[in-house]
């Protein structure tokens, strides 16, 4: 009964099969620039997490002010790493990473 009512209330539309065309010249450049930005961001966030953990682990070597700064920055570095890895994963799944070396990682058809 409910499904029949929903069928009556929703209009019947002929939706075309939409397939984006990723062969435009600017799109390859966009993918390459975005790939480099995402990769640099991931490496920087990973280095920040490693440095923060290293500073906190070696208590006797670093000053207390540096340890306090690392303790305050470490959660933000971890959150940044998580967010960037999620964005990079979605970008790779949808479009693929292309660093301009002639290979593409991920994306449709891979």
PDB file of N, CA and C in Angstrom:
ATOM      1  N   UNK A   1       0.823  -1.183   0.000  1.00  0.00           N
ATOM      2  CA  UNK A   1       0.000   0.000   0.000  1.00  0.00           C
ATOM      3  C   UNK A   1       0.874   1.257   0.000  1.00  0.00           C
ATOM      4  N   UNK A   2       1.869   1.273   0.884  1.00  0.00           N
ATOM      5  CA  UNK A   2       2.743   2.441   0.978  1.00  0.00           C
ATOM      6  C   UNK A   2       3.579   2.588  -0.294  1.00  0.00           C
ATOM      7  N   UNK A   3       4.091   1.466  -0.810  1.00  0.00           N
ATOM      8  CA  UNK A   3       4.899   1.534  -2.025  1.00  0.00           C
ATOM      9  C   UNK A   3       4.075   2.014  -3.216  1.00  0.00           C
ATOM     10  N   UNK A   4       2.808   1.596  -3.292  1.00  0.00           N
ATOM     11  CA  UNK A   4       1.948   2.056  -4.376  1.00  0.00           C
ATOM     12  C   UNK A   4       1.707   3.555  -4.267  1.00  0.00           C
ATOM     13  N   UNK A   5       1.568   4.052  -3.044  1.00  0.00           N
ATOM     14  CA  UNK A   5       1.362   5.483  -2.836  1.00  0.00           C
ATOM     15  C   UNK A   5       2.619   6.265  -3.216  1.00  0.00           C
ATOM     16  N   UNK A   6       3.774   5.728  -2.871  1.00  0.00           N
ATOM     17  CA  UNK A   6       5.027   6.396  -3.228  1.00  0.00           C
ATOM     18  C   UNK A   6       5.191   6.418  -4.742  1.00  0.00           C
ATOM     19  N   UNK A   7       4.834   5.320  -5.404  1.00  0.00           N
ATOM     20  CA  UNK A   7       4.925   5.280  -6.861  1.00  0.00           C
ATOM     21  C   UNK A   7       4.015   6.312  -7.508  1.00  0.00           C
ATOM     22  N   UNK A   8       2.864   6.572  -6.921  1.00  0.00           N
ATOM     23  CA  UNK A   8       1.955   7.561  -7.479  1.00  0.00           C
ATOM     24  C   UNK A   8       2.453   8.980  -7.246  1.00  0.00           C
ATOM     25  N   UNK A   9       3.132   9.210  -6.118  1.00  0.00           N
ATOM     26  CA  UNK A   9       3.562  10.558  -5.783  1.00  0.00           C
ATOM     27  C   UNK A   9       4.868  10.952  -6.475  1.00  0.00           C
ATOM     28  N   UNK A  10       5.700  10.003  -6.793  1.00  0.00           N
ATOM     29  CA  UNK A  10       6.969  10.342  -7.452  1.00  0.00           C
ATOM     30  C   UNK A  10       6.765  10.363  -8.961  1.00  0.00           C
ATOM     31  N   UNK A  11       7.197  11.426  -9.581  1.00  0.00           N
ATOM     32  CA  UNK A  11       7.021  11.495 -11.046  1.00  0.00           C
ATOM     33  C   UNK A  11       7.985  10.532 -11.738  1.00  0.00           C
ATOM     34  N   UNK A  12       7.524  10.031 -12.838  1.00  0.00           N
ATOM     35  CA  UNK A  12       8.345   9.126 -13.630  1.00  0.00           C
ATOM     36  C   UNK A  12       9.190   9.993 -14.565  1.00  0.00           C
ATOM     37  N   UNK A  13      10.487   9.864 -14.417  1.00  0.00           N
ATOM     38  CA  UNK A  13      11.396  10.670 -15.229  1.00  0.00           C
ATOM     39  C   UNK A  13      12.343   9.757 -15.993  1.00  0.00           C
ATOM     40  N   UNK A  14      12.633  10.153 -17.186  1.00  0.00           N
ATOM     41  CA  UNK A  14      13.586   9.417 -17.990  1.00  0.00           C
ATOM     42  C   UNK A  14      14.962  10.042 -17.750  1.00  0.00           C
ATOM     43  N   UNK A  15      15.739   9.423 -16.882  1.00  0.00           N
ATOM     44  CA  UNK A  15      17.050   9.953 -16.530  1.00  0.00           C
ATOM     45  C   UNK A  15      18.089   9.404 -17.504  1.00  0.00           C
ATOM     46  N   UNK A  16      18.831  10.282 -18.147  1.00  0.00           N
ATOM     47  CA  UNK A  16      19.861   9.805 -19.071  1.00  0.00           C
ATOM     48  C   UNK A  16      21.048   9.217 -18.304  1.00  0.00           C
ATOM     49  N   UNK A  17      21.734   8.317 -18.954  1.00  0.00           N
ATOM     50  CA  UNK A  17      22.927   7.729 -18.357  1.00  0.00           C
ATOM     51  C   UNK A  17      24.058   8.748 -18.493  1.00  0.00           C
ATOM     52  N   UNK A  18      24.470   9.326 -17.374  1.00  0.00           N
ATOM     53  CA  UNK A  18      25.485  10.377 -17.395  1.00  0.00           C
ATOM     54  C   UNK A  18      26.840   9.760 -17.105  1.00  0.00           C
ATOM     55  N   UNK A  19      27.751   9.958 -18.034  1.00  0.00           N
ATOM     56  CA  UNK A  19      29.128   9.484 -17.858  1.00  0.00           C
ATOM     57  C   UNK A  19      30.059  10.669 -18.089  1.00  0.00           C
ATOM     58  N   UNK A  20      30.793  11.076 -17.053  1.00  0.00           N
ATOM     59  CA  UNK A  20      31.676  12.234 -17.234  1.00  0.00           C
ATOM     60  C   UNK A  20      32.824  11.911 -18.181  1.00  0.00           C
ATOM     61  N   UNK A  21      33.267  12.915 -18.890  1.00  0.00           N
ATOM     62  CA  UNK A  21      34.375  12.769 -19.825  1.00  0.00           C
ATOM     63  C   UNK A  21      35.623  13.366 -19.184  1.00  0.00           C
ATOM     64  N   UNK A  22      36.563  12.503 -18.791  1.00  0.00           N
ATOM     65  CA  UNK A  22      37.771  12.944 -18.116  1.00  0.00           C
ATOM     66  C   UNK A  22      38.923  13.155 -19.092  1.00  0.00           C
ATOM     67  N   UNK A  23      38.631  13.279 -20.385  1.00  0.00           N
ATOM     68  CA  UNK A  23      39.693  13.423 -21.373  1.00  0.00           C
ATOM     69  C   UNK A  23      39.982  14.879 -21.712  1.00  0.00           C
ATOM     70  N   UNK A  24      39.336  15.818 -21.049  1.00  0.00           N
ATOM     71  CA  UNK A  24      39.596  17.229 -21.317  1.00  0.00           C
ATOM     72  C   UNK A  24      41.042  17.563 -20.946  1.00  0.00           C
ATOM     73  N   UNK A  25      41.702  18.434 -21.717  1.00  0.00           N
ATOM     74  CA  UNK A  25      43.119  18.719 -21.457  1.00  0.00           C
ATOM     75  C   UNK A  25      43.385  19.299 -20.075  1.00  0.00           C
ATOM     76  N   UNK A  26      42.510  20.180 -19.587  1.00  0.00           N
ATOM     77  CA  UNK A  26      42.745  20.784 -18.281  1.00  0.00           C
ATOM     78  C   UNK A  26      42.554  19.777 -17.152  1.00  0.00           C
ATOM     79  N   UNK A  27      41.772  18.734 -17.401  1.00  0.00           N
ATOM     80  CA  UNK A  27      41.455  17.792 -16.333  1.00  0.00           C
ATOM     81  C   UNK A  27      42.671  16.945 -15.955  1.00  0.00           C
ATOM     82  N   UNK A  28      43.488  16.570 -16.917  1.00  0.00           N
ATOM     83  CA  UNK A  28      44.705  15.819 -16.622  1.00  0.00           C
ATOM     84  C   UNK A  28      45.648  16.665 -15.770  1.00  0.00           C
ATOM     85  N   UNK A  29      45.761  17.935 -16.089  1.00  0.00           N
ATOM     86  CA  UNK A  29      46.584  18.839 -15.282  1.00  0.00           C
ATOM     87  C   UNK A  29      46.025  19.010 -13.886  1.00  0.00           C
ATOM     88  N   UNK A  30      44.695  19.117 -13.783  1.00  0.00           N
ATOM     89  CA  UNK A  30      44.060  19.225 -12.469  1.00  0.00           C
ATOM     90  C   UNK A  30      44.338  17.995 -11.617  1.00  0.00           C
ATOM     91  N   UNK A  31      44.235  16.826 -12.222  1.00  0.00           N
ATOM     92  CA  UNK A  31      44.485  15.590 -11.476  1.00  0.00           C
ATOM     93  C   UNK A  31      45.944  15.525 -11.034  1.00  0.00           C
ATOM     94  N   UNK A  32      46.860  15.948 -11.883  1.00  0.00           N
ATOM     95  CA  UNK A  32      48.274  15.887 -11.525  1.00  0.00           C
ATOM     96  C   UNK A  32      48.602  16.875 -10.405  1.00  0.00           C
ATOM     97  N   UNK A  33      48.096  18.095 -10.486  1.00  0.00           N
ATOM     98  CA  UNK A  33      48.347  19.085  -9.430  1.00  0.00           C
ATOM     99  C   UNK A  33      47.715  18.641  -8.120  1.00  0.00           C
ATOM    100  N   UNK A  34      46.486  18.164  -8.166  1.00  0.00           N
ATOM    101  CA  UNK A  34      45.819  17.691  -6.954  1.00  0.00           C
ATOM    102  C   UNK A  34      46.537  16.482  -6.360  1.00  0.00           C
ATOM    103  N   UNK A  35      47.058  15.607  -7.198  1.00  0.00           N
ATOM    104  CA  UNK A  35      47.799  14.443  -6.712  1.00  0.00           C
ATOM    105  C   UNK A  35      49.053  14.870  -5.968  1.00  0.00           C
ATOM    106  N   UNK A  36      49.785  15.829  -6.522  1.00  0.00           N
ATOM    107  CA  UNK A  36      50.994  16.312  -5.859  1.00  0.00           C
ATOM    108  C   UNK A  36      50.660  17.005  -4.541  1.00  0.00           C
ATOM    109  N   UNK A  37      49.610  17.813  -4.525  1.00  0.00           N
ATOM    110  CA  UNK A  37      49.225  18.518  -3.290  1.00  0.00           C
ATOM    111  C   UNK A  37      48.828  17.514  -2.217  1.00  0.00           C
ATOM    112  N   UNK A  38      48.024  16.519  -2.576  1.00  0.00           N
ATOM    113  CA  UNK A  38      47.612  15.514  -1.604  1.00  0.00           C
ATOM    114  C   UNK A  38      48.809  14.703  -1.105  1.00  0.00           C
ATOM    115  N   UNK A  39      49.721  14.351  -1.993  1.00  0.00           N
ATOM    116  CA  UNK A  39      50.890  13.568  -1.576  1.00  0.00           C
ATOM    117  C   UNK A  39      51.797  14.373  -0.654  1.00  0.00           C
ATOM    118  N   UNK A  40      52.037  15.632  -0.980  1.00  0.00           N
ATOM    119  CA  UNK A  40      52.878  16.476  -0.124  1.00  0.00           C
ATOM    120  C   UNK A  40      52.215  16.683   1.232  1.00  0.00           C
ATOM    121  N   UNK A  41      50.907  16.882   1.238  1.00  0.00           N
ATOM    122  CA  UNK A  41      50.188  17.038   2.502  1.00  0.00           C
ATOM    123  C   UNK A  41      50.255  15.790   3.364  1.00  0.00           C
ATOM    124  N   UNK A  42      50.104  14.621   2.738  1.00  0.00           N
ATOM    125  CA  UNK A  42      50.193  13.371   3.501  1.00  0.00           C
ATOM    126  C   UNK A  42      51.581  13.160   4.088  1.00  0.00           C
ATOM    127  N   UNK A  43      52.615  13.436   3.306  1.00  0.00           N
ATOM    128  CA  UNK A  43      53.987  13.268   3.803  1.00  0.00           C
ATOM    129  C   UNK A  43      54.263  14.250   4.939  1.00  0.00           C
ATOM    130  N   UNK A  44      53.823  15.499   4.788  1.00  0.00           N
ATOM    131  CA  UNK A  44      54.036  16.497   5.838  1.00  0.00           C
ATOM    132  C   UNK A  44      53.290  16.120   7.124  1.00  0.00           C
ATOM    133  N   UNK A  45      52.062  15.649   7.002  1.00  0.00           N
ATOM    134  CA  UNK A  45      51.302  15.250   8.184  1.00  0.00           C
ATOM    135  C   UNK A  45      51.926  14.029   8.856  1.00  0.00           C
ATOM    136  N   UNK A  46      52.415  13.088   8.065  1.00  0.00           N
ATOM    137  CA  UNK A  46      53.065  11.912   8.633  1.00  0.00           C
ATOM    138  C   UNK A  46      54.351  12.293   9.361  1.00  0.00           C
ATOM    139  N   UNK A  47      55.139  13.193   8.772  1.00  0.00           N
ATOM    140  CA  UNK A  47      56.357  13.655   9.438  1.00  0.00           C
ATOM    141  C   UNK A  47      56.020  14.390  10.729  1.00  0.00           C
ATOM    142  N   UNK A  48      54.952  15.182  10.732  1.00  0.00           N
ATOM    143  CA  UNK A  48      54.540  15.894  11.945  1.00  0.00           C
ATOM    144  C   UNK A  48      54.151  14.923  13.050  1.00  0.00           C
ATOM    145  N   UNK A  49      53.444  13.861  12.693  1.00  0.00           N
ATOM    146  CA  UNK A  49      53.058  12.863  13.698  1.00  0.00           C
ATOM    147  C   UNK A  49      54.293  12.144  14.237  1.00  0.00           C
ATOM    148  N   UNK A  50      55.200  11.763  13.349  1.00  0.00           N
ATOM    149  CA  UNK A  50      56.412  11.055  13.789  1.00  0.00           C
ATOM    150  C   UNK A  50      57.265  11.954  14.680  1.00  0.00           C
ATOM    151  N   UNK A  51      57.429  13.222  14.296  1.00  0.00           N
ATOM    152  CA  UNK A  51      58.202  14.143  15.128  1.00  0.00           C
ATOM    153  C   UNK A  51      57.545  14.379  16.483  1.00  0.00           C
ATOM    154  N   UNK A  52      56.220  14.540  16.485  1.00  0.00           N
ATOM    155  CA  UNK A  52      55.514  14.742  17.753  1.00  0.00           C
ATOM    156  C   UNK A  52      55.664  13.563  18.689  1.00  0.00           C
ATOM    157  N   UNK A  53      55.519  12.361  18.157  1.00  0.00           N
ATOM    158  CA  UNK A  53      55.677  11.162  18.989  1.00  0.00           C
ATOM    159  C   UNK A  53      57.120  11.035  19.465  1.00  0.00           C
ATOM    160  N   UNK A  54      58.077  11.322  18.594  1.00  0.00           N
ATOM    161  CA  UNK A  54      59.487  11.234  18.969  1.00  0.00           C
ATOM    162  C   UNK A  54      59.829  12.219  20.077  1.00  0.00           C
ATOM    163  N   UNK A  55      59.343  13.430  19.970  1.00  0.00           N
ATOM    164  CA  UNK A  55      59.603  14.439  21.011  1.00  0.00           C
ATOM    165  C   UNK A  55      58.991  14.022  22.332  1.00  0.00           C
ATOM    166  N   UNK A  56      57.806  13.438  22.300  1.00  0.00           N
ATOM    167  CA  UNK A  56      57.160  13.025  23.550  1.00  0.00           C
ATOM    168  C   UNK A  56      57.801  11.780  24.156  1.00  0.00           C
ATOM    169  N   UNK A  57      58.348  10.908  23.334  1.00  0.00           N
ATOM    170  CA  UNK A  57      58.948   9.672  23.849  1.00  0.00           C
ATOM    171  C   UNK A  57      60.283   9.946  24.539  1.00  0.00           C
ATOM    172  N   UNK A  58      61.117  10.781  23.940  1.00  0.00           N
ATOM    173  CA  UNK A  58      62.432  11.069  24.511  1.00  0.00           C
ATOM    174  C   UNK A  58      62.331  12.286  25.426  1.00  0.00           C
ATOM    175  N   UNK A  59      61.916  12.063  26.653  1.00  0.00           N
ATOM    176  CA  UNK A  59      61.660  13.158  27.592  1.00  0.00           C
ATOM    177  C   UNK A  59      62.940  13.839  28.056  1.00  0.00           C
ATOM    178  N   UNK A  60      64.003  13.097  28.260  1.00  0.00           N
ATOM    179  CA  UNK A  60      65.221  13.684  28.804  1.00  0.00           C
ATOM    180  C   UNK A  60      65.994  14.518  27.808  1.00  0.00           C
ATOM    181  N   UNK A  61      65.764  14.324  26.518  1.00  0.00           N
ATOM    182  CA  UNK A  61      66.553  15.010  25.499  1.00  0.00           C
ATOM    183  C   UNK A  61      65.956  16.372  25.154  1.00  0.00           C
ATOM    184  N   UNK A  62      64.646  16.464  25.112  1.00  0.00           N
ATOM    185  CA  UNK A  62      63.975  17.689  24.680  1.00  0.00           C
ATOM    186  C   UNK A  62      63.568  18.540  25.879  1.00  0.00           C
ATOM    187  N   UNK A  63      63.399  19.838  25.640  1.00  0.00           N
ATOM    188  CA  UNK A  63      62.981  20.736  26.711  1.00  0.00           C
ATOM    189  C   UNK A  63      61.499  20.548  27.018  1.00  0.00           C
ATOM    190  N   UNK A  64      61.096  21.010  28.181  1.00  0.00           N
ATOM    191  CA  UNK A  64      59.697  20.840  28.586  1.00  0.00           C
ATOM    192  C   UNK A  64      58.769  21.699  27.737  1.00  0.00           C
ATOM    193  N   UNK A  65      59.248  22.860  27.312  1.00  0.00           N
ATOM    194  CA  UNK A  65      58.420  23.715  26.460  1.00  0.00           C
ATOM    195  C   UNK A  65      58.188  23.063  25.096  1.00  0.00           C
ATOM    196  N   UNK A  66      59.217  22.426  24.541  1.00  0.00           N
ATOM    197  CA  UNK A  66      59.068  21.724  23.269  1.00  0.00           C
ATOM    198  C   UNK A  66      58.131  20.534  23.411  1.00  0.00           C
ATOM    199  N   UNK A  67      58.222  19.819  24.539  1.00  0.00           N
ATOM    200  CA  UNK A  67      57.306  18.691  24.774  1.00  0.00           C
ATOM    201  C   UNK A  67      55.872  19.164  24.917  1.00  0.00           C
ATOM    202  N   UNK A  68      55.665  20.306  25.574  1.00  0.00           N
ATOM    203  CA  UNK A  68      54.302  20.841  25.721  1.00  0.00           C
ATOM    204  C   UNK A  68      53.735  21.245  24.362  1.00  0.00           C
ATOM    205  N   UNK A  69      54.577  21.846  23.528  1.00  0.00           N
ATOM    206  CA  UNK A  69      54.132  22.227  22.181  1.00  0.00           C
ATOM    207  C   UNK A  69      53.802  20.993  21.354  1.00  0.00           C
ATOM    208  N   UNK A  70      54.646  19.964  21.455  1.00  0.00           N
ATOM    209  CA  UNK A  70      54.401  18.727  20.710  1.00  0.00           C
ATOM    210  C   UNK A  70      53.135  18.039  21.206  1.00  0.00           C
ATOM    211  N   UNK A  71      52.904  18.064  22.500  1.00  0.00           N
ATOM    212  CA  UNK A  71      51.693  17.440  23.046  1.00  0.00           C
ATOM    213  C   UNK A  71      50.440  18.170  22.580  1.00  0.00           C
ATOM    214  N   UNK A  72      50.524  19.486  22.408  1.00  0.00           N
ATOM    215  CA  UNK A  72      49.367  20.247  21.934  1.00  0.00           C
ATOM    216  C   UNK A  72      49.163  20.073  20.427  1.00  0.00           C
ATOM    217  N   UNK A  73      50.251  19.893  19.684  1.00  0.00           N
ATOM    218  CA  UNK A  73      50.141  19.809  18.225  1.00  0.00           C
ATOM    219  C   UNK A  73      49.879  18.394  17.722  1.00  0.00           C
ATOM    220  N   UNK A  74      50.227  17.390  18.524  1.00  0.00           N
ATOM    221  CA  UNK A  74      50.095  16.008  18.058  1.00  0.00           C
ATOM    222  C   UNK A  74      48.657  15.611  17.711  1.00  0.00           C
ATOM    223  N   UNK A  75      47.658  15.937  18.523  1.00  0.00           N
ATOM    224  CA  UNK A  75      46.281  15.563  18.119  1.00  0.00           C
ATOM    225  C   UNK A  75      45.857  16.210  16.797  1.00  0.00           C
ATOM    226  N   UNK A  76      46.279  17.458  16.570  1.00  0.00           N
ATOM    227  CA  UNK A  76      45.931  18.125  15.319  1.00  0.00           C
ATOM    228  C   UNK A  76      46.640  17.483  14.134  1.00  0.00           C
ATOM    229  N   UNK A  77      47.866  17.049  14.343  1.00  0.00           N
ATOM    230  CA  UNK A  77      48.596  16.367  13.277  1.00  0.00           C
ATOM    231  C   UNK A  77      47.946  15.025  12.950  1.00  0.00           C
ATOM    232  N   UNK A  78      47.489  14.324  13.972  1.00  0.00           N
ATOM    233  CA  UNK A  78      46.818  13.040  13.747  1.00  0.00           C
ATOM    234  C   UNK A  78      45.495  13.243  13.018  1.00  0.00           C
ATOM    235  N   UNK A  79      44.736  14.243  13.432  1.00  0.00           N
ATOM    236  CA  UNK A  79      43.466  14.541  12.755  1.00  0.00           C
ATOM    237  C   UNK A  79      43.728  14.943  11.307  1.00  0.00           C
ATOM    238  N   UNK A  80      44.748  15.763  11.075  1.00  0.00           N
ATOM    239  CA  UNK A  80      45.098  16.148   9.712  1.00  0.00           C
ATOM    240  C   UNK A  80      45.497  14.954   8.865  1.00  0.00           C
ATOM    241  N   UNK A  81      46.251  14.027   9.456  1.00  0.00           N
ATOM    242  CA  UNK A  81      46.656  12.828   8.729  1.00  0.00           C
ATOM    243  C   UNK A  81      45.450  11.965   8.378  1.00  0.00           C
ATOM    244  N   UNK A  82      44.527  11.835   9.302  1.00  0.00           N
ATOM    245  CA  UNK A  82      43.322  11.037   9.052  1.00  0.00           C
ATOM    246  C   UNK A  82      42.468  11.673   7.950  1.00  0.00           C
ATOM    247  N   UNK A  83      42.257  12.979   8.037  1.00  0.00           N
ATOM    248  CA  UNK A  83      41.425  13.666   7.044  1.00  0.00           C
ATOM    249  C   UNK A  83      42.077  13.622   5.666  1.00  0.00           C
ATOM    250  N   UNK A  84      43.381  13.913   5.601  1.00  0.00           N
ATOM    251  CA  UNK A  84      44.068  13.887   4.308  1.00  0.00           C
ATOM    252  C   UNK A  84      44.105  12.493   3.696  1.00  0.00           C
ATOM    253  N   UNK A  85      44.274  11.475   4.522  1.00  0.00           N
ATOM    254  CA  UNK A  85      44.283  10.120   3.963  1.00  0.00           C
ATOM    255  C   UNK A  85      42.895   9.737   3.456  1.00  0.00           C
ATOM    256  N   UNK A  86      41.849  10.186   4.124  1.00  0.00           N
ATOM    257  CA  UNK A  86      40.500   9.931   3.631  1.00  0.00           C
ATOM    258  C   UNK A  86      40.218  10.639   2.320  1.00  0.00           C
ATOM    259  N   UNK A  87      40.617  11.905   2.226  1.00  0.00           N
ATOM    260  CA  UNK A  87      40.419  12.664   0.988  1.00  0.00           C
ATOM    261  C   UNK A  87      41.226  12.048  -0.146  1.00  0.00           C
ATOM    262  N   UNK A  88      42.468  11.651   0.151  1.00  0.00           N
ATOM    263  CA  UNK A  88      43.311  11.030  -0.872  1.00  0.00           C
ATOM    264  C   UNK A  88      42.730   9.700  -1.326  1.00  0.00           C
ATOM    265  N   UNK A  89      42.199   8.926  -0.399  1.00  0.00           N
ATOM    266  CA  UNK A  89      41.582   7.651  -0.758  1.00  0.00           C
ATOM    267  C   UNK A  89      40.375   7.830  -1.658  1.00  0.00           C
ATOM    268  N   UNK A  90      39.526   8.779  -1.327  1.00  0.00           N
ATOM    269  CA  UNK A  90      38.344   9.040  -2.159  1.00  0.00           C
ATOM    270  C   UNK A  90      38.763   9.572  -3.527  1.00  0.00           C
ATOM    271  N   UNK A  91      39.739  10.473  -3.551  1.00  0.00           N
ATOM    272  CA  UNK A  91      40.227  11.022  -4.817  1.00  0.00           C
ATOM    273  C   UNK A  91      40.824   9.923  -5.688  1.00  0.00           C
ATOM    274  N   UNK A  92      41.590   9.024  -5.068  1.00  0.00           N
ATOM    275  CA  UNK A  92      42.198   7.922  -5.816  1.00  0.00           C
ATOM    276  C   UNK A  92      41.136   6.981  -6.354  1.00  0.00           C
ATOM    277  N   UNK A  93      40.125   6.710  -5.554  1.00  0.00           N
ATOM    278  CA  UNK A  93      39.064   5.801  -5.969  1.00  0.00           C
ATOM    279  C   UNK A  93      38.251   6.398  -7.118  1.00  0.00           C
ATOM    280  N   UNK A  94      37.980   7.695  -7.050  1.00  0.00           N
ATOM    281  CA  UNK A  94      37.156   8.325  -8.079  1.00  0.00           C
ATOM    282  C   UNK A  94      37.933   8.642  -9.355  1.00  0.00           C
ATOM    283  N   UNK A  95      39.113   9.253  -9.219  1.00  0.00           N
ATOM    284  CA  UNK A  95      39.826   9.750 -10.389  1.00  0.00           C
ATOM    285  C   UNK A  95      41.177   9.097 -10.609  1.00  0.00           C
ATOM    286  N   UNK A  96      41.822   8.681  -9.563  1.00  0.00           N
ATOM    287  CA  UNK A  96      43.161   8.114  -9.662  1.00  0.00           C
ATOM    288  C   UNK A  96      44.222   9.166  -9.401  1.00  0.00           C
ATOM    289  N   UNK A  97      45.355   8.735  -8.896  1.00  0.00           N
ATOM    290  CA  UNK A  97      46.477   9.636  -8.676  1.00  0.00           C
ATOM    291  C   UNK A  97      47.396   9.583  -9.891  1.00  0.00           C
ATOM    292  N   UNK A  98      47.795  10.747 -10.366  1.00  0.00           N
ATOM    293  CA  UNK A  98      48.704  10.824 -11.502  1.00  0.00           C
ATOM    294  C   UNK A  98      49.768  11.854 -11.156  1.00  0.00           C
ATOM    295  N   UNK A  99      51.027  11.392 -11.034  1.00  0.00           N
ATOM    296  CA  UNK A  99      52.112  12.285 -10.672  1.00  0.00           C
ATOM    297  C   UNK A  99      52.902  12.752 -11.880  1.00  0.00           C
ATOM    298  N   UNK A 100      52.437  12.441 -13.078  1.00  0.00           N
ATOM    299  CA  UNK A 100      53.102  12.879 -14.284  1.00  0.00           C
ATOM    300  C   UNK A 100      54.224  11.979 -14.760  1.00  0.00           C
ATOM    301  N   UNK A 101      54.352  10.801 -14.200  1.00  0.00           N
ATOM    302  CA  UNK A 101      55.411   9.886 -14.593  1.00  0.00           C
ATOM    303  C   UNK A 101      54.933   8.844 -15.586  1.00  0.00           C
ATOM    304  N   UNK A 102      53.729   8.995 -16.088  1.00  0.00           N
ATOM    305  CA  UNK A 102      53.208   8.059 -17.070  1.00  0.00           C
ATOM    306  C   UNK A 102      52.405   6.927 -16.461  1.00  0.00           C
ATOM    307  N   UNK A 103      52.224   6.896 -15.156  1.00  0.00           N
ATOM    308  CA  UNK A 103      51.406   5.859 -14.523  1.00  0.00           C
ATOM    309  C   UNK A 103      50.335   6.523 -13.682  1.00  0.00           C
ATOM    310  N   UNK A 104      49.220   5.857 -13.561  1.00  0.00           N
ATOM    311  CA  UNK A 104      48.123   6.340 -12.739  1.00  0.00           C
ATOM    312  C   UNK A 104      47.789   5.255 -11.728  1.00  0.00           C
ATOM    313  N   UNK A 105      47.607   5.666 -10.490  1.00  0.00           N
ATOM    314  CA  UNK A 105      47.270   4.740  -9.434  1.00  0.00           C
ATOM    315  C   UNK A 105      45.791   4.872  -9.093  1.00  0.00           C
ATOM    316  N   UNK A 106      45.055   3.774  -9.190  1.00  0.00           N
ATOM    317  CA  UNK A 106      43.636   3.781  -8.842  1.00  0.00           C
ATOM    318  C   UNK A 106      42.801   4.389  -9.944  1.00  0.00           C
ATOM    319  N   UNK A 107      41.605   4.832  -9.564  1.00  0.00           N
ATOM    320  CA  UNK A 107      40.706   5.465 -10.505  1.00  0.00           C
ATOM    321  C   UNK A 107      39.852   4.458 -11.247  1.00  0.00           C
ATOM    322  N   UNK A 108      38.981   4.929 -12.118  1.00  0.00           N
ATOM    323  CA  UNK A 108      38.094   4.047 -12.855  1.00  0.00           C
ATOM    324  C   UNK A 108      38.874   3.133 -13.791  1.00  0.00           C
ATOM    325  N   UNK A 109      38.493   1.899 -13.801  1.00  0.00           N
ATOM    326  CA  UNK A 109      39.117   0.938 -14.697  1.00  0.00           C
ATOM    327  C   UNK A 109      40.368   0.288 -14.156  1.00  0.00           C
ATOM    328  N   UNK A 110      40.775   0.605 -12.940  1.00  0.00           N
ATOM    329  CA  UNK A 110      41.977   0.003 -12.360  1.00  0.00           C
ATOM    330  C   UNK A 110      41.606  -0.897 -11.221  1.00  0.00           C
TER     331      UNK A 110
END
